[in-house]
């Protein structure tokens, strides 16, 4: 599942940026998902995202990860390939997430 998310996210970044320079390692994706998980576990949905990196209220996991890198990944994060999306949406209501959902199940 992580390799699929990685591929879709990198493909979206390359499309948006117009070049093939942007990279995403599985370690970066793991750290990103860890921060999302910690944010949920702390029930901090309404908390400003930057507070996760603050010295006073932050979490060590967040402080070990670049805030800018987190935002970059969030910007390009995809669970499907855009090029195949429109055709799949005709047949499948949840096409944007169905590949990941089926693998999860």
PDB file of N, CA and C in Angstrom:
ATOM      1  N   UNK A   1       0.818  -1.188   0.000  1.00  0.00           N
ATOM      2  CA  UNK A   1       0.000   0.000   0.000  1.00  0.00           C
ATOM      3  C   UNK A   1       0.865   1.256   0.000  1.00  0.00           C
ATOM      4  N   UNK A   2       1.919   1.238   0.804  1.00  0.00           N
ATOM      5  CA  UNK A   2       2.789   2.422   0.871  1.00  0.00           C
ATOM      6  C   UNK A   2       3.479   2.696  -0.459  1.00  0.00           C
ATOM      7  N   UNK A   3       3.893   1.650  -1.154  1.00  0.00           N
ATOM      8  CA  UNK A   3       4.538   1.849  -2.450  1.00  0.00           C
ATOM      9  C   UNK A   3       3.550   2.423  -3.465  1.00  0.00           C
ATOM     10  N   UNK A   4       2.299   2.011  -3.391  1.00  0.00           N
ATOM     11  CA  UNK A   4       1.272   2.553  -4.276  1.00  0.00           C
ATOM     12  C   UNK A   4       1.044   4.041  -3.978  1.00  0.00           C
ATOM     13  N   UNK A   5       0.917   4.389  -2.699  1.00  0.00           N
ATOM     14  CA  UNK A   5       0.746   5.796  -2.307  1.00  0.00           C
ATOM     15  C   UNK A   5       1.963   6.606  -2.732  1.00  0.00           C
ATOM     16  N   UNK A   6       3.140   6.052  -2.541  1.00  0.00           N
ATOM     17  CA  UNK A   6       4.374   6.726  -2.949  1.00  0.00           C
ATOM     18  C   UNK A   6       4.358   7.003  -4.443  1.00  0.00           C
ATOM     19  N   UNK A   7       4.035   6.007  -5.248  1.00  0.00           N
ATOM     20  CA  UNK A   7       4.001   6.160  -6.700  1.00  0.00           C
ATOM     21  C   UNK A   7       2.985   7.228  -7.118  1.00  0.00           C
ATOM     22  N   UNK A   8       1.780   7.179  -6.559  1.00  0.00           N
ATOM     23  CA  UNK A   8       0.734   8.138  -6.918  1.00  0.00           C
ATOM     24  C   UNK A   8       1.113   9.560  -6.507  1.00  0.00           C
ATOM     25  N   UNK A   9       1.717   9.694  -5.344  1.00  0.00           N
ATOM     26  CA  UNK A   9       2.112  11.008  -4.837  1.00  0.00           C
ATOM     27  C   UNK A   9       3.243  11.601  -5.665  1.00  0.00           C
ATOM     28  N   UNK A  10       4.232  10.808  -5.983  1.00  0.00           N
ATOM     29  CA  UNK A  10       5.355  11.278  -6.813  1.00  0.00           C
ATOM     30  C   UNK A  10       4.859  11.651  -8.205  1.00  0.00           C
ATOM     31  N   UNK A  11       3.975  10.837  -8.759  1.00  0.00           N
ATOM     32  CA  UNK A  11       3.415  11.138 -10.081  1.00  0.00           C
ATOM     33  C   UNK A  11       2.681  12.469 -10.075  1.00  0.00           C
ATOM     34  N   UNK A  12       1.911  12.733  -9.018  1.00  0.00           N
ATOM     35  CA  UNK A  12       1.189  14.003  -8.905  1.00  0.00           C
ATOM     36  C   UNK A  12       2.153  15.175  -8.761  1.00  0.00           C
ATOM     37  N   UNK A  13       3.203  15.018  -7.974  1.00  0.00           N
ATOM     38  CA  UNK A  13       4.192  16.086  -7.802  1.00  0.00           C
ATOM     39  C   UNK A  13       4.875  16.402  -9.135  1.00  0.00           C
ATOM     40  N   UNK A  14       5.249  15.377  -9.863  1.00  0.00           N
ATOM     41  CA  UNK A  14       5.892  15.582 -11.167  1.00  0.00           C
ATOM     42  C   UNK A  14       4.944  16.303 -12.120  1.00  0.00           C
ATOM     43  N   UNK A  15       3.675  15.932 -12.112  1.00  0.00           N
ATOM     44  CA  UNK A  15       2.692  16.586 -12.971  1.00  0.00           C
ATOM     45  C   UNK A  15       2.533  18.059 -12.587  1.00  0.00           C
ATOM     46  N   UNK A  16       2.391  18.306 -11.288  1.00  0.00           N
ATOM     47  CA  UNK A  16       2.158  19.670 -10.806  1.00  0.00           C
ATOM     48  C   UNK A  16       3.376  20.574 -11.002  1.00  0.00           C
ATOM     49  N   UNK A  17       4.547  20.027 -10.795  1.00  0.00           N
ATOM     50  CA  UNK A  17       5.776  20.823 -10.896  1.00  0.00           C
ATOM     51  C   UNK A  17       6.310  20.917 -12.324  1.00  0.00           C
ATOM     52  N   UNK A  18       5.874  20.016 -13.173  1.00  0.00           N
ATOM     53  CA  UNK A  18       6.340  20.034 -14.555  1.00  0.00           C
ATOM     54  C   UNK A  18       7.730  19.484 -14.748  1.00  0.00           C
ATOM     55  N   UNK A  19       8.228  18.722 -13.768  1.00  0.00           N
ATOM     56  CA  UNK A  19       9.535  18.075 -13.908  1.00  0.00           C
ATOM     57  C   UNK A  19       9.549  16.800 -13.076  1.00  0.00           C
ATOM     58  N   UNK A  20      10.638  16.039 -13.205  1.00  0.00           N
ATOM     59  CA  UNK A  20      10.749  14.750 -12.511  1.00  0.00           C
ATOM     60  C   UNK A  20      11.739  14.788 -11.349  1.00  0.00           C
ATOM     61  N   UNK A  21      11.942  15.958 -10.762  1.00  0.00           N
ATOM     62  CA  UNK A  21      12.959  16.095  -9.723  1.00  0.00           C
ATOM     63  C   UNK A  21      12.466  15.748  -8.325  1.00  0.00           C
ATOM     64  N   UNK A  22      11.181  15.896  -8.044  1.00  0.00           N
ATOM     65  CA  UNK A  22      10.647  15.686  -6.698  1.00  0.00           C
ATOM     66  C   UNK A  22      10.662  14.199  -6.367  1.00  0.00           C
ATOM     67  N   UNK A  23      11.159  13.865  -5.201  1.00  0.00           N
ATOM     68  CA  UNK A  23      11.275  12.468  -4.758  1.00  0.00           C
ATOM     69  C   UNK A  23      10.554  12.291  -3.429  1.00  0.00           C
ATOM     70  N   UNK A  24      10.147  11.072  -3.151  1.00  0.00           N
ATOM     71  CA  UNK A  24       9.528  10.727  -1.879  1.00  0.00           C
ATOM     72  C   UNK A  24       9.996   9.339  -1.475  1.00  0.00           C
ATOM     73  N   UNK A  25      10.769   9.277  -0.406  1.00  0.00           N
ATOM     74  CA  UNK A  25      11.223   7.979   0.088  1.00  0.00           C
ATOM     75  C   UNK A  25      10.134   7.353   0.956  1.00  0.00           C
ATOM     76  N   UNK A  26      10.206   6.058   1.119  1.00  0.00           N
ATOM     77  CA  UNK A  26       9.250   5.382   1.997  1.00  0.00           C
ATOM     78  C   UNK A  26       9.431   5.844   3.445  1.00  0.00           C
ATOM     79  N   UNK A  27      10.658   6.222   3.811  1.00  0.00           N
ATOM     80  CA  UNK A  27      10.913   6.731   5.155  1.00  0.00           C
ATOM     81  C   UNK A  27      10.194   8.060   5.374  1.00  0.00           C
ATOM     82  N   UNK A  28      10.240   8.952   4.376  1.00  0.00           N
ATOM     83  CA  UNK A  28       9.518  10.217   4.474  1.00  0.00           C
ATOM     84  C   UNK A  28       8.017   9.988   4.557  1.00  0.00           C
ATOM     85  N   UNK A  29       7.519   9.040   3.769  1.00  0.00           N
ATOM     86  CA  UNK A  29       6.093   8.729   3.800  1.00  0.00           C
ATOM     87  C   UNK A  29       5.701   8.148   5.156  1.00  0.00           C
ATOM     88  N   UNK A  30       6.538   7.285   5.708  1.00  0.00           N
ATOM     89  CA  UNK A  30       6.285   6.736   7.048  1.00  0.00           C
ATOM     90  C   UNK A  30       6.223   7.842   8.100  1.00  0.00           C
ATOM     91  N   UNK A  31       7.170   8.785   8.036  1.00  0.00           N
ATOM     92  CA  UNK A  31       7.189   9.891   8.997  1.00  0.00           C
ATOM     93  C   UNK A  31       5.930  10.748   8.837  1.00  0.00           C
ATOM     94  N   UNK A  32       5.555  11.020   7.597  1.00  0.00           N
ATOM     95  CA  UNK A  32       4.340  11.798   7.325  1.00  0.00           C
ATOM     96  C   UNK A  32       3.117  11.103   7.934  1.00  0.00           C
ATOM     97  N   UNK A  33       2.973   9.814   7.662  1.00  0.00           N
ATOM     98  CA  UNK A  33       1.827   9.063   8.187  1.00  0.00           C
ATOM     99  C   UNK A  33       1.868   8.983   9.712  1.00  0.00           C
ATOM    100  N   UNK A  34       3.075   8.881  10.268  1.00  0.00           N
ATOM    101  CA  UNK A  34       3.216   8.869  11.715  1.00  0.00           C
ATOM    102  C   UNK A  34       2.718  10.161  12.340  1.00  0.00           C
ATOM    103  N   UNK A  35       3.047  11.278  11.728  1.00  0.00           N
ATOM    104  CA  UNK A  35       2.585  12.577  12.235  1.00  0.00           C
ATOM    105  C   UNK A  35       1.069  12.669  12.138  1.00  0.00           C
ATOM    106  N   UNK A  36       0.508  12.207  11.027  1.00  0.00           N
ATOM    107  CA  UNK A  36      -0.958  12.218  10.877  1.00  0.00           C
ATOM    108  C   UNK A  36      -1.604  11.332  11.953  1.00  0.00           C
ATOM    109  N   UNK A  37      -0.992  10.188  12.214  1.00  0.00           N
ATOM    110  CA  UNK A  37      -1.515   9.268  13.225  1.00  0.00           C
ATOM    111  C   UNK A  37      -1.434   9.901  14.615  1.00  0.00           C
ATOM    112  N   UNK A  38      -0.294  10.484  14.948  1.00  0.00           N
ATOM    113  CA  UNK A  38      -0.108  11.126  16.253  1.00  0.00           C
ATOM    114  C   UNK A  38      -1.107  12.264  16.429  1.00  0.00           C
ATOM    115  N   UNK A  39      -1.302  13.037  15.387  1.00  0.00           N
ATOM    116  CA  UNK A  39      -2.268  14.146  15.468  1.00  0.00           C
ATOM    117  C   UNK A  39      -3.660  13.615  15.796  1.00  0.00           C
ATOM    118  N   UNK A  40      -4.047  12.519  15.184  1.00  0.00           N
ATOM    119  CA  UNK A  40      -5.337  11.905  15.475  1.00  0.00           C
ATOM    120  C   UNK A  40      -5.393  11.319  16.872  1.00  0.00           C
ATOM    121  N   UNK A  41      -4.305  10.652  17.288  1.00  0.00           N
ATOM    122  CA  UNK A  41      -4.265  10.045  18.612  1.00  0.00           C
ATOM    123  C   UNK A  41      -4.336  11.086  19.721  1.00  0.00           C
ATOM    124  N   UNK A  42      -3.787  12.256  19.448  1.00  0.00           N
ATOM    125  CA  UNK A  42      -3.819  13.347  20.424  1.00  0.00           C
ATOM    126  C   UNK A  42      -5.132  14.128  20.367  1.00  0.00           C
ATOM    127  N   UNK A  43      -6.006  13.699  19.450  1.00  0.00           N
ATOM    128  CA  UNK A  43      -7.288  14.379  19.249  1.00  0.00           C
ATOM    129  C   UNK A  43      -7.074  15.879  19.031  1.00  0.00           C
ATOM    130  N   UNK A  44      -6.091  16.183  18.204  1.00  0.00           N
ATOM    131  CA  UNK A  44      -5.727  17.584  17.971  1.00  0.00           C
ATOM    132  C   UNK A  44      -6.169  18.063  16.596  1.00  0.00           C
ATOM    133  N   UNK A  45      -7.286  17.542  16.116  1.00  0.00           N
ATOM    134  CA  UNK A  45      -7.782  17.917  14.798  1.00  0.00           C
ATOM    135  C   UNK A  45      -7.941  19.427  14.653  1.00  0.00           C
ATOM    136  N   UNK A  46      -8.456  20.084  15.662  1.00  0.00           N
ATOM    137  CA  UNK A  46      -8.669  21.521  15.600  1.00  0.00           C
ATOM    138  C   UNK A  46      -7.441  22.343  15.933  1.00  0.00           C
ATOM    139  N   UNK A  47      -6.387  21.684  16.418  1.00  0.00           N
ATOM    140  CA  UNK A  47      -5.166  22.391  16.791  1.00  0.00           C
ATOM    141  C   UNK A  47      -4.415  22.833  15.533  1.00  0.00           C
ATOM    142  N   UNK A  48      -3.890  24.030  15.571  1.00  0.00           N
ATOM    143  CA  UNK A  48      -3.113  24.531  14.445  1.00  0.00           C
ATOM    144  C   UNK A  48      -1.934  23.597  14.193  1.00  0.00           C
ATOM    145  N   UNK A  49      -1.742  23.250  12.953  1.00  0.00           N
ATOM    146  CA  UNK A  49      -0.720  22.285  12.563  1.00  0.00           C
ATOM    147  C   UNK A  49       0.672  22.666  13.053  1.00  0.00           C
ATOM    148  N   UNK A  50       1.005  23.941  13.010  1.00  0.00           N
ATOM    149  CA  UNK A  50       2.341  24.381  13.418  1.00  0.00           C
ATOM    150  C   UNK A  50       2.655  24.076  14.882  1.00  0.00           C
ATOM    151  N   UNK A  51       1.629  23.943  15.710  1.00  0.00           N
ATOM    152  CA  UNK A  51       1.861  23.642  17.126  1.00  0.00           C
ATOM    153  C   UNK A  51       2.494  22.265  17.335  1.00  0.00           C
ATOM    154  N   UNK A  52       2.311  21.359  16.385  1.00  0.00           N
ATOM    155  CA  UNK A  52       2.936  20.040  16.495  1.00  0.00           C
ATOM    156  C   UNK A  52       4.456  20.140  16.458  1.00  0.00           C
ATOM    157  N   UNK A  53       4.979  21.245  15.921  1.00  0.00           N
ATOM    158  CA  UNK A  53       6.424  21.452  15.844  1.00  0.00           C
ATOM    159  C   UNK A  53       6.939  22.419  16.903  1.00  0.00           C
ATOM    160  N   UNK A  54       6.063  22.932  17.738  1.00  0.00           N
ATOM    161  CA  UNK A  54       6.506  23.902  18.745  1.00  0.00           C
ATOM    162  C   UNK A  54       7.271  23.199  19.860  1.00  0.00           C
ATOM    163  N   UNK A  55       8.163  23.930  20.481  1.00  0.00           N
ATOM    164  CA  UNK A  55       8.947  23.366  21.584  1.00  0.00           C
ATOM    165  C   UNK A  55       8.067  23.077  22.791  1.00  0.00           C
ATOM    166  N   UNK A  56       7.070  23.921  23.028  1.00  0.00           N
ATOM    167  CA  UNK A  56       6.232  23.778  24.213  1.00  0.00           C
ATOM    168  C   UNK A  56       5.172  22.688  24.056  1.00  0.00           C
ATOM    169  N   UNK A  57       4.471  22.666  22.929  1.00  0.00           N
ATOM    170  CA  UNK A  57       3.351  21.750  22.749  1.00  0.00           C
ATOM    171  C   UNK A  57       3.637  20.616  21.776  1.00  0.00           C
ATOM    172  N   UNK A  58       4.753  20.675  21.112  1.00  0.00           N
ATOM    173  CA  UNK A  58       5.051  19.734  20.050  1.00  0.00           C
ATOM    174  C   UNK A  58       5.367  18.322  20.509  1.00  0.00           C
ATOM    175  N   UNK A  59       5.450  17.459  19.534  1.00  0.00           N
ATOM    176  CA  UNK A  59       5.752  16.044  19.738  1.00  0.00           C
ATOM    177  C   UNK A  59       7.121  15.788  19.115  1.00  0.00           C
ATOM    178  N   UNK A  60       7.946  14.973  19.757  1.00  0.00           N
ATOM    179  CA  UNK A  60       9.305  14.727  19.277  1.00  0.00           C
ATOM    180  C   UNK A  60       9.321  14.216  17.842  1.00  0.00           C
ATOM    181  N   UNK A  61       8.403  13.320  17.499  1.00  0.00           N
ATOM    182  CA  UNK A  61       8.330  12.802  16.129  1.00  0.00           C
ATOM    183  C   UNK A  61       8.214  13.950  15.125  1.00  0.00           C
ATOM    184  N   UNK A  62       7.398  14.920  15.451  1.00  0.00           N
ATOM    185  CA  UNK A  62       7.204  16.058  14.551  1.00  0.00           C
ATOM    186  C   UNK A  62       8.467  16.907  14.480  1.00  0.00           C
ATOM    187  N   UNK A  63       9.105  17.101  15.597  1.00  0.00           N
ATOM    188  CA  UNK A  63      10.298  17.936  15.633  1.00  0.00           C
ATOM    189  C   UNK A  63      11.459  17.295  14.883  1.00  0.00           C
ATOM    190  N   UNK A  64      11.414  15.963  14.724  1.00  0.00           N
ATOM    191  CA  UNK A  64      12.452  15.261  13.973  1.00  0.00           C
ATOM    192  C   UNK A  64      12.185  15.265  12.476  1.00  0.00           C
ATOM    193  N   UNK A  65      11.039  15.782  12.071  1.00  0.00           N
ATOM    194  CA  UNK A  65      10.626  15.811  10.671  1.00  0.00           C
ATOM    195  C   UNK A  65      10.425  17.267  10.253  1.00  0.00           C
ATOM    196  N   UNK A  66      10.854  17.601   9.058  1.00  0.00           N
ATOM    197  CA  UNK A  66      10.714  18.965   8.561  1.00  0.00           C
ATOM    198  C   UNK A  66       9.251  19.331   8.340  1.00  0.00           C
ATOM    199  N   UNK A  67       8.856  20.449   8.890  1.00  0.00           N
ATOM    200  CA  UNK A  67       7.488  20.945   8.707  1.00  0.00           C
ATOM    201  C   UNK A  67       7.221  21.229   7.228  1.00  0.00           C
ATOM    202  N   UNK A  68       8.212  21.792   6.546  1.00  0.00           N
ATOM    203  CA  UNK A  68       8.039  22.095   5.124  1.00  0.00           C
ATOM    204  C   UNK A  68       7.895  20.824   4.295  1.00  0.00           C
ATOM    205  N   UNK A  69       8.650  19.791   4.651  1.00  0.00           N
ATOM    206  CA  UNK A  69       8.537  18.513   3.936  1.00  0.00           C
ATOM    207  C   UNK A  69       7.157  17.908   4.173  1.00  0.00           C
ATOM    208  N   UNK A  70       6.668  17.986   5.401  1.00  0.00           N
ATOM    209  CA  UNK A  70       5.329  17.497   5.724  1.00  0.00           C
ATOM    210  C   UNK A  70       4.290  18.199   4.843  1.00  0.00           C
ATOM    211  N   UNK A  71       4.398  19.506   4.736  1.00  0.00           N
ATOM    212  CA  UNK A  71       3.440  20.284   3.932  1.00  0.00           C
ATOM    213  C   UNK A  71       3.550  19.932   2.446  1.00  0.00           C
ATOM    214  N   UNK A  72       4.764  19.693   1.975  1.00  0.00           N
ATOM    215  CA  UNK A  72       4.954  19.284   0.581  1.00  0.00           C
ATOM    216  C   UNK A  72       4.246  17.969   0.298  1.00  0.00           C
ATOM    217  N   UNK A  73       4.464  17.000   1.172  1.00  0.00           N
ATOM    218  CA  UNK A  73       3.835  15.692   0.982  1.00  0.00           C
ATOM    219  C   UNK A  73       2.317  15.839   1.037  1.00  0.00           C
ATOM    220  N   UNK A  74       1.824  16.632   1.965  1.00  0.00           N
ATOM    221  CA  UNK A  74       0.384  16.857   2.091  1.00  0.00           C
ATOM    222  C   UNK A  74      -0.179  17.460   0.802  1.00  0.00           C
ATOM    223  N   UNK A  75       0.570  18.347   0.196  1.00  0.00           N
ATOM    224  CA  UNK A  75       0.125  19.023  -1.024  1.00  0.00           C
ATOM    225  C   UNK A  75      -0.035  18.053  -2.192  1.00  0.00           C
ATOM    226  N   UNK A  76       0.866  17.088  -2.312  1.00  0.00           N
ATOM    227  CA  UNK A  76       0.874  16.187  -3.462  1.00  0.00           C
ATOM    228  C   UNK A  76       0.288  14.810  -3.163  1.00  0.00           C
ATOM    229  N   UNK A  77      -0.071  14.535  -1.929  1.00  0.00           N
ATOM    230  CA  UNK A  77      -0.540  13.215  -1.529  1.00  0.00           C
ATOM    231  C   UNK A  77      -1.714  12.755  -2.391  1.00  0.00           C
ATOM    232  N   UNK A  78      -1.566  11.580  -2.979  1.00  0.00           N
ATOM    233  CA  UNK A  78      -2.616  10.984  -3.796  1.00  0.00           C
ATOM    234  C   UNK A  78      -2.663   9.487  -3.529  1.00  0.00           C
ATOM    235  N   UNK A  79      -3.851   8.923  -3.726  1.00  0.00           N
ATOM    236  CA  UNK A  79      -4.062   7.492  -3.531  1.00  0.00           C
ATOM    237  C   UNK A  79      -4.427   6.799  -4.844  1.00  0.00           C
ATOM    238  N   UNK A  80      -4.452   7.571  -5.924  1.00  0.00           N
ATOM    239  CA  UNK A  80      -4.732   7.030  -7.247  1.00  0.00           C
ATOM    240  C   UNK A  80      -3.930   7.815  -8.279  1.00  0.00           C
ATOM    241  N   UNK A  81      -3.874   7.275  -9.481  1.00  0.00           N
ATOM    242  CA  UNK A  81      -3.190   7.961 -10.571  1.00  0.00           C
ATOM    243  C   UNK A  81      -4.200   8.819 -11.320  1.00  0.00           C
ATOM    244  N   UNK A  82      -3.941  10.104 -11.381  1.00  0.00           N
ATOM    245  CA  UNK A  82      -4.861  11.056 -11.995  1.00  0.00           C
ATOM    246  C   UNK A  82      -5.189  10.677 -13.443  1.00  0.00           C
ATOM    247  N   UNK A  83      -4.226  10.158 -14.173  1.00  0.00           N
ATOM    248  CA  UNK A  83      -4.422   9.828 -15.581  1.00  0.00           C
ATOM    249  C   UNK A  83      -5.514   8.769 -15.773  1.00  0.00           C
ATOM    250  N   UNK A  84      -5.710   7.917 -14.797  1.00  0.00           N
ATOM    251  CA  UNK A  84      -6.708   6.844 -14.902  1.00  0.00           C
ATOM    252  C   UNK A  84      -8.003   7.187 -14.169  1.00  0.00           C
ATOM    253  N   UNK A  85      -8.048   8.314 -13.504  1.00  0.00           N
ATOM    254  CA  UNK A  85      -9.156   8.660 -12.615  1.00  0.00           C
ATOM    255  C   UNK A  85     -10.495   8.832 -13.322  1.00  0.00           C
ATOM    256  N   UNK A  86     -10.549   9.617 -14.362  1.00  0.00           N
ATOM    257  CA  UNK A  86     -11.840   9.937 -14.980  1.00  0.00           C
ATOM    258  C   UNK A  86     -12.535   8.688 -15.504  1.00  0.00           C
ATOM    259  N   UNK A  87     -11.801   7.783 -16.090  1.00  0.00           N
ATOM    260  CA  UNK A  87     -12.394   6.540 -16.585  1.00  0.00           C
ATOM    261  C   UNK A  87     -12.905   5.679 -15.426  1.00  0.00           C
ATOM    262  N   UNK A  88     -12.138   5.599 -14.372  1.00  0.00           N
ATOM    263  CA  UNK A  88     -12.536   4.784 -13.220  1.00  0.00           C
ATOM    264  C   UNK A  88     -13.729   5.385 -12.491  1.00  0.00           C
ATOM    265  N   UNK A  89     -13.836   6.714 -12.461  1.00  0.00           N
ATOM    266  CA  UNK A  89     -14.968   7.354 -11.789  1.00  0.00           C
ATOM    267  C   UNK A  89     -16.297   7.058 -12.471  1.00  0.00           C
ATOM    268  N   UNK A  90     -16.274   6.767 -13.754  1.00  0.00           N
ATOM    269  CA  UNK A  90     -17.499   6.408 -14.473  1.00  0.00           C
ATOM    270  C   UNK A  90     -18.075   5.102 -13.950  1.00  0.00           C
ATOM    271  N   UNK A  91     -17.209   4.202 -13.544  1.00  0.00           N
ATOM    272  CA  UNK A  91     -17.623   2.868 -13.115  1.00  0.00           C
ATOM    273  C   UNK A  91     -17.646   2.696 -11.600  1.00  0.00           C
ATOM    274  N   UNK A  92     -16.877   3.517 -10.912  1.00  0.00           N
ATOM    275  CA  UNK A  92     -16.644   3.285  -9.492  1.00  0.00           C
ATOM    276  C   UNK A  92     -16.751   4.590  -8.710  1.00  0.00           C
ATOM    277  N   UNK A  93     -17.683   4.645  -7.788  1.00  0.00           N
ATOM    278  CA  UNK A  93     -17.941   5.862  -7.021  1.00  0.00           C
ATOM    279  C   UNK A  93     -16.733   6.290  -6.172  1.00  0.00           C
ATOM    280  N   UNK A  94     -16.030   5.326  -5.609  1.00  0.00           N
ATOM    281  CA  UNK A  94     -14.908   5.612  -4.710  1.00  0.00           C
ATOM    282  C   UNK A  94     -13.568   5.351  -5.385  1.00  0.00           C
ATOM    283  N   UNK A  95     -13.454   5.681  -6.650  1.00  0.00           N
ATOM    284  CA  UNK A  95     -12.256   5.393  -7.430  1.00  0.00           C
ATOM    285  C   UNK A  95     -10.997   6.046  -6.863  1.00  0.00           C
ATOM    286  N   UNK A  96     -11.143   7.185  -6.192  1.00  0.00           N
ATOM    287  CA  UNK A  96      -9.963   7.897  -5.692  1.00  0.00           C
ATOM    288  C   UNK A  96      -9.225   7.130  -4.603  1.00  0.00           C
ATOM    289  N   UNK A  97      -9.914   6.280  -3.892  1.00  0.00           N
ATOM    290  CA  UNK A  97      -9.310   5.568  -2.763  1.00  0.00           C
ATOM    291  C   UNK A  97      -9.467   4.046  -2.867  1.00  0.00           C
ATOM    292  N   UNK A  98     -10.172   3.571  -3.873  1.00  0.00           N
ATOM    293  CA  UNK A  98     -10.529   2.150  -3.927  1.00  0.00           C
ATOM    294  C   UNK A  98      -9.328   1.213  -3.976  1.00  0.00           C
ATOM    295  N   UNK A  99      -8.257   1.576  -4.678  1.00  0.00           N
ATOM    296  CA  UNK A  99      -7.076   0.697  -4.727  1.00  0.00           C
ATOM    297  C   UNK A  99      -6.518   0.453  -3.331  1.00  0.00           C
ATOM    298  N   UNK A 100      -6.394   1.502  -2.563  1.00  0.00           N
ATOM    299  CA  UNK A 100      -5.865   1.382  -1.208  1.00  0.00           C
ATOM    300  C   UNK A 100      -6.853   0.644  -0.322  1.00  0.00           C
ATOM    301  N   UNK A 101      -8.122   0.971  -0.432  1.00  0.00           N
ATOM    302  CA  UNK A 101      -9.145   0.327   0.395  1.00  0.00           C
ATOM    303  C   UNK A 101      -9.178  -1.175   0.172  1.00  0.00           C
ATOM    304  N   UNK A 102      -9.147  -1.605  -1.094  1.00  0.00           N
ATOM    305  CA  UNK A 102      -9.165  -3.038  -1.405  1.00  0.00           C
ATOM    306  C   UNK A 102      -7.930  -3.738  -0.848  1.00  0.00           C
ATOM    307  N   UNK A 103      -6.793  -3.112  -0.921  1.00  0.00           N
ATOM    308  CA  UNK A 103      -5.563  -3.714  -0.368  1.00  0.00           C
ATOM    309  C   UNK A 103      -5.632  -3.773   1.148  1.00  0.00           C
ATOM    310  N   UNK A 104      -6.227  -2.752   1.754  1.00  0.00           N
ATOM    311  CA  UNK A 104      -6.369  -2.718   3.202  1.00  0.00           C
ATOM    312  C   UNK A 104      -7.256  -3.858   3.682  1.00  0.00           C
ATOM    313  N   UNK A 105      -8.362  -4.048   2.996  1.00  0.00           N
ATOM    314  CA  UNK A 105      -9.287  -5.120   3.359  1.00  0.00           C
ATOM    315  C   UNK A 105      -8.623  -6.449   3.164  1.00  0.00           C
TER     316      UNK A 105
END
